[in-house]
Amino acid sequence: MKTNKIRAWAESVSRSARAGRRGAKRNKAVYTATCRRLQDGRGEERHFSEGVNFYKLVWLYVIGGFAGFIVETIWCYHVYHRIEWHSAMAFTPFNPIYGAGAVALFLCLRKVPKRNFLLVFFISAAAGTLVELVSSYIQEFAFHSYSWDYLHLPWNFEGRICLGMSVAWGLLGVAWAWLLCPAMERLIAALPQRTGKITAAVLAAVIAVDAAVTVAAMLRWLARRAGLSPRTAVGVFLDKFFPDARMHCLFPRIKFFP
């Protein structure tokens, strides 16, 4: 009797072991198939904070632009002892130079080992300098003006860029790789998938509208400086809501070419 119970117990353990092995194989097959579906884009959607996509770039632009706006405000208060609006936009507090710089640094450094200090430094310096140079040309040719001038600093090029600022961009890139970008990615990853994507789309639309209004206000400002009266309802609207006094508040450091 005792022998039969032992034999039955042994058979039960054996069946359980075989079932466990089959279950493990089945789970492994399901896991493999799921991974393949994810790789093929047929499975559950990955969080938008992974990899490179429109929503993540929008959030990087927003965070970087807002951080730049705060930095510029604090710097201005420290130097000039007054608070100025330094977003270079009509409504939103997202400085496009810093926003574009954040996106450029992310795209340029995402596959560069951050332990390679010199490579990170030189890529960042080149990317930041290029953003600054291109931005200065766009502002000059579109609005016949400039917002910064490095002519008083050594090793400058037409006052648009200089060695000192390039070094600053390089050091910022190192800080970006080690501190800023990981912190931003953790912040973005903490956002709910649906909410984060919808908010990014809304922010992108708002920034696009703000950019259009800013460009229109700047062009109308140039027209007023040339003595041209508004010929459309849009021009009248811009003259009413974006007079010279407000434009000087929005762009306190802007200077026009003669």
Protein backbone atom coordinates (compact mmCIF):
# COMPACT_ATOMS: atom_id res chain seq x y z
CA MET A 1 0.00 0.00 0.00
CA LYS A 2 2.77 2.35 0.96
CA THR A 3 4.68 1.40 -2.21
CA ASN A 4 1.64 2.24 -4.36
CA LYS A 5 1.34 5.68 -2.76
CA ILE A 6 5.01 6.37 -3.38
CA ARG A 7 4.68 5.24 -7.01
CA ALA A 8 1.61 7.45 -7.51
CA TRP A 9 3.38 10.43 -5.98
CA ALA A 10 6.42 9.86 -8.24
CA GLU A 11 4.20 9.67 -11.34
CA SER A 12 2.47 12.88 -10.28
CA VAL A 13 5.78 14.68 -9.88
CA SER A 14 6.91 13.38 -13.27
CA ARG A 15 3.72 14.59 -14.98
CA SER A 16 4.10 17.99 -13.33
CA ALA A 17 7.70 18.25 -14.50
CA ARG A 18 6.74 17.31 -18.06
CA ALA A 19 3.89 19.83 -17.99
CA GLY A 20 6.29 22.45 -16.64
CA ARG A 21 8.72 21.81 -19.47
CA ARG A 22 5.94 22.01 -22.04
CA GLY A 23 4.67 25.20 -20.38
CA ALA A 24 8.15 26.70 -20.42
CA LYS A 25 8.52 25.85 -24.10
CA ARG A 26 5.09 27.27 -24.82
CA ASN A 27 5.86 30.48 -22.89
CA LYS A 28 9.15 30.81 -24.70
CA ALA A 29 7.39 30.42 -28.05
CA VAL A 30 4.81 33.03 -27.10
CA TYR A 31 7.58 35.40 -25.93
CA THR A 32 9.51 34.92 -29.19
CA ALA A 33 6.41 35.51 -31.30
CA THR A 34 5.56 38.62 -29.30
CA CYS A 35 9.07 40.01 -29.77
CA ARG A 36 8.79 39.40 -33.50
CA ARG A 37 5.42 41.14 -33.65
CA LEU A 38 6.86 44.11 -31.77
CA GLN A 39 9.79 44.28 -34.16
CA ASP A 40 7.43 44.10 -37.14
CA GLY A 41 5.18 46.76 -35.65
CA ARG A 42 2.19 44.39 -35.25
CA GLY A 43 2.25 44.06 -31.48
CA GLU A 44 1.65 46.42 -28.62
CA GLU A 45 2.80 49.95 -29.36
CA ARG A 46 6.06 51.02 -27.76
CA HIS A 47 6.15 54.12 -25.60
CA PHE A 48 6.88 57.19 -27.69
CA SER A 49 9.86 58.06 -25.48
CA GLU A 50 11.80 55.17 -27.04
CA GLY A 51 13.86 55.79 -30.15
CA VAL A 52 13.27 58.80 -32.39
CA ASN A 53 9.81 60.00 -33.35
CA PHE A 54 7.83 63.19 -33.85
CA TYR A 55 6.30 63.27 -30.35
CA LYS A 56 9.62 62.82 -28.57
CA LEU A 57 11.29 65.52 -30.65
CA VAL A 58 8.45 67.92 -29.86
CA TRP A 59 8.87 67.30 -26.14
CA LEU A 60 12.65 67.78 -26.40
CA TYR A 61 12.08 71.05 -28.24
CA VAL A 62 9.56 72.25 -25.65
CA ILE A 63 11.68 71.33 -22.63
CA GLY A 64 14.88 72.69 -24.17
CA GLY A 65 13.18 75.87 -25.37
CA PHE A 66 11.57 76.54 -22.01
CA ALA A 67 14.84 75.88 -20.16
CA GLY A 68 16.58 78.32 -22.50
CA PHE A 69 13.88 80.92 -21.87
CA ILE A 70 14.43 80.60 -18.10
CA VAL A 71 18.23 80.76 -18.47
CA GLU A 72 18.04 83.87 -20.67
CA THR A 73 15.63 85.55 -18.24
CA ILE A 74 17.87 84.86 -15.25
CA TRP A 75 20.99 85.98 -17.13
CA CYS A 76 19.31 89.21 -18.23
CA TYR A 77 18.12 89.96 -14.70
CA HIS A 78 21.64 89.32 -13.37
CA VAL A 79 23.32 91.55 -15.97
CA TYR A 80 20.75 94.28 -16.62
CA HIS A 81 18.75 94.06 -13.35
CA ARG A 82 15.42 93.78 -15.12
CA ILE A 83 13.17 91.02 -16.42
CA GLU A 84 12.89 90.73 -20.20
CA TRP A 85 10.98 88.38 -22.51
CA HIS A 86 13.56 86.20 -24.25
CA SER A 87 11.60 83.47 -26.01
CA ALA A 88 11.84 85.17 -29.44
CA MET A 89 8.17 84.19 -29.93
CA ALA A 90 4.95 86.16 -29.65
CA PHE A 91 3.16 83.98 -27.09
CA THR A 92 4.90 80.76 -26.08
CA PRO A 93 7.90 80.67 -23.68
CA PHE A 94 9.88 78.26 -25.87
CA ASN A 95 13.06 79.83 -27.22
CA PRO A 96 13.59 78.35 -30.72
CA ILE A 97 17.40 78.56 -30.56
CA TYR A 98 17.54 76.44 -27.42
CA GLY A 99 14.73 74.18 -28.60
CA ALA A 100 16.43 73.53 -31.92
CA GLY A 101 19.73 73.11 -30.08
CA ALA A 102 18.24 70.44 -27.82
CA VAL A 103 16.87 68.53 -30.81
CA ALA A 104 20.17 68.88 -32.70
CA LEU A 105 22.22 67.63 -29.75
CA PHE A 106 19.88 64.67 -29.26
CA LEU A 107 20.05 63.63 -32.92
CA CYS A 108 23.81 64.13 -33.18
CA LEU A 109 24.76 62.42 -29.90
CA ARG A 110 22.22 59.62 -29.58
CA LYS A 111 24.63 56.99 -30.94
CA VAL A 112 27.86 58.53 -29.67
CA PRO A 113 29.30 56.85 -26.55
CA LYS A 114 29.11 59.47 -23.83
CA ARG A 115 32.33 58.18 -22.31
CA ASN A 116 34.14 59.51 -25.38
CA PHE A 117 34.43 63.00 -23.91
CA LEU A 118 36.35 64.60 -26.78
CA LEU A 119 34.04 63.24 -29.50
CA VAL A 120 30.94 64.42 -27.61
CA PHE A 121 32.56 67.81 -27.06
CA PHE A 122 33.51 68.42 -30.70
CA ILE A 123 30.22 67.14 -32.15
CA SER A 124 28.28 69.33 -29.72
CA ALA A 125 30.42 72.36 -30.49
CA ALA A 126 29.91 71.86 -34.23
CA ALA A 127 26.15 71.26 -33.91
CA GLY A 128 25.54 74.24 -31.63
CA THR A 129 27.70 76.55 -33.71
CA LEU A 130 25.88 75.48 -36.88
CA VAL A 131 22.47 76.15 -35.29
CA GLU A 132 23.63 79.60 -34.19
CA LEU A 133 25.16 80.42 -37.58
CA VAL A 134 22.13 79.30 -39.61
CA SER A 135 19.76 81.12 -37.25
CA SER A 136 21.69 84.37 -37.64
CA TYR A 137 21.53 84.16 -41.44
CA ILE A 138 17.81 83.40 -41.37
CA GLN A 139 17.13 86.37 -39.11
CA GLU A 140 19.26 88.68 -41.23
CA PHE A 141 17.76 87.76 -44.59
CA ALA A 142 14.17 87.38 -43.38
CA PHE A 143 13.95 90.30 -40.96
CA HIS A 144 17.04 92.41 -41.76
CA SER A 145 18.08 92.29 -38.12
CA TYR A 146 20.25 90.49 -35.57
CA SER A 147 19.85 89.58 -31.90
CA TRP A 148 23.45 88.84 -30.88
CA ASP A 149 26.83 90.19 -31.92
CA TYR A 150 30.20 88.63 -31.08
CA LEU A 151 32.35 91.22 -32.86
CA HIS A 152 33.83 92.27 -29.52
CA LEU A 153 34.98 88.71 -28.79
CA PRO A 154 38.13 87.11 -30.25
CA TRP A 155 38.01 84.50 -32.99
CA ASN A 156 34.57 85.45 -34.26
CA PHE A 157 33.06 85.08 -37.71
CA GLU A 158 31.13 88.18 -38.80
CA GLY A 159 29.93 88.53 -35.22
CA ARG A 160 27.59 85.54 -35.74
CA ILE A 161 29.65 82.87 -34.02
CA CYS A 162 32.85 82.83 -32.01
CA LEU A 163 35.28 80.38 -30.47
CA GLY A 164 34.11 81.07 -26.92
CA MET A 165 30.48 80.22 -27.73
CA SER A 166 31.56 77.12 -29.63
CA VAL A 167 33.42 75.94 -26.52
CA ALA A 168 30.30 76.71 -24.48
CA TRP A 169 28.22 74.60 -26.87
CA GLY A 170 30.75 71.77 -26.53
CA LEU A 171 30.61 71.84 -22.74
CA LEU A 172 26.83 72.03 -22.88
CA GLY A 173 26.88 68.92 -25.08
CA VAL A 174 28.93 67.03 -22.51
CA ALA A 175 26.48 68.08 -19.78
CA TRP A 176 23.67 67.09 -22.13
CA ALA A 177 25.05 63.60 -22.70
CA TRP A 178 25.72 62.91 -19.02
CA LEU A 179 22.95 64.79 -17.22
CA LEU A 180 20.39 66.73 -19.23
CA CYS A 181 19.34 64.22 -21.89
CA PRO A 182 18.90 61.28 -19.46
CA ALA A 183 16.85 63.53 -17.17
CA MET A 184 14.68 64.70 -20.07
CA GLU A 185 14.15 61.16 -21.32
CA ARG A 186 13.11 60.00 -17.85
CA LEU A 187 10.67 62.90 -17.66
CA ILE A 188 9.21 62.08 -21.08
CA ALA A 189 9.04 58.35 -20.28
CA ALA A 190 6.98 59.15 -17.18
CA LEU A 191 4.22 60.65 -19.34
CA PRO A 192 1.24 58.40 -20.13
CA GLN A 193 1.35 57.18 -23.71
CA ARG A 194 -1.91 58.68 -24.96
CA THR A 195 -1.71 61.89 -22.92
CA GLY A 196 1.91 62.51 -23.88
CA LYS A 197 1.26 62.09 -27.60
CA ILE A 198 -1.90 64.22 -27.63
CA THR A 199 -0.20 66.96 -25.61
CA ALA A 200 2.82 66.90 -27.94
CA ALA A 201 0.55 67.26 -30.98
CA VAL A 202 -1.29 70.17 -29.37
CA LEU A 203 1.98 71.85 -28.39
CA ALA A 204 3.32 71.42 -31.93
CA ALA A 205 0.19 73.06 -33.35
CA VAL A 206 0.39 75.93 -30.85
CA ILE A 207 4.08 76.50 -31.62
CA ALA A 208 3.37 76.46 -35.36
CA VAL A 209 0.61 79.08 -34.96
CA ASP A 210 2.84 81.14 -32.69
CA ALA A 211 5.65 80.99 -35.23
CA ALA A 212 3.31 82.16 -38.01
CA VAL A 213 2.04 85.07 -35.88
CA THR A 214 5.59 85.99 -34.88
CA VAL A 215 6.80 86.04 -38.48
CA ALA A 216 3.78 88.11 -39.58
CA ALA A 217 4.29 90.58 -36.70
CA MET A 218 7.99 90.92 -37.54
CA LEU A 219 7.29 91.56 -41.22
CA ARG A 220 4.65 94.13 -40.36
CA TRP A 221 7.12 95.78 -37.96
CA LEU A 222 9.60 96.08 -40.82
CA ALA A 223 6.88 97.56 -43.01
CA ARG A 224 6.02 100.16 -40.38
CA ARG A 225 9.69 101.10 -40.11
CA ALA A 226 9.65 101.66 -43.88
CA GLY A 227 6.59 103.90 -43.51
CA LEU A 228 4.13 101.52 -45.19
CA SER A 229 0.48 101.62 -44.10
CA PRO A 230 -1.50 98.37 -43.67
CA ARG A 231 -3.40 97.30 -46.78
CA THR A 232 -5.29 94.32 -45.35
CA ALA A 233 -7.31 93.45 -42.27
CA VAL A 234 -4.40 91.30 -41.11
CA GLY A 235 -2.10 94.31 -41.24
CA VAL A 236 -4.56 96.39 -39.23
CA PHE A 237 -4.84 93.58 -36.67
CA LEU A 238 -1.06 93.33 -36.35
CA ASP A 239 -0.68 97.09 -35.98
CA LYS A 240 -3.27 97.07 -33.20
CA PHE A 241 -2.06 94.08 -31.18
CA PHE A 242 1.66 94.18 -32.04
CA PRO A 243 2.66 97.86 -32.08
CA ASP A 244 6.28 98.95 -31.93
CA ALA A 245 6.26 99.17 -28.13
CA ARG A 246 5.13 95.57 -27.74
CA MET A 247 7.57 94.33 -30.37
CA HIS A 248 10.43 95.98 -28.47
CA CYS A 249 9.26 94.13 -25.35
CA LEU A 250 9.09 90.82 -27.22
CA PHE A 251 12.52 91.33 -28.83
CA PRO A 252 14.43 93.58 -26.39
CA ARG A 253 17.88 92.83 -27.84
CA ILE A 254 17.04 93.05 -31.52
CA LYS A 255 18.93 95.49 -33.74
CA PHE A 256 18.16 96.35 -37.34
CA PHE A 257 20.68 96.73 -40.10
CA PRO A 258 20.77 100.24 -41.59
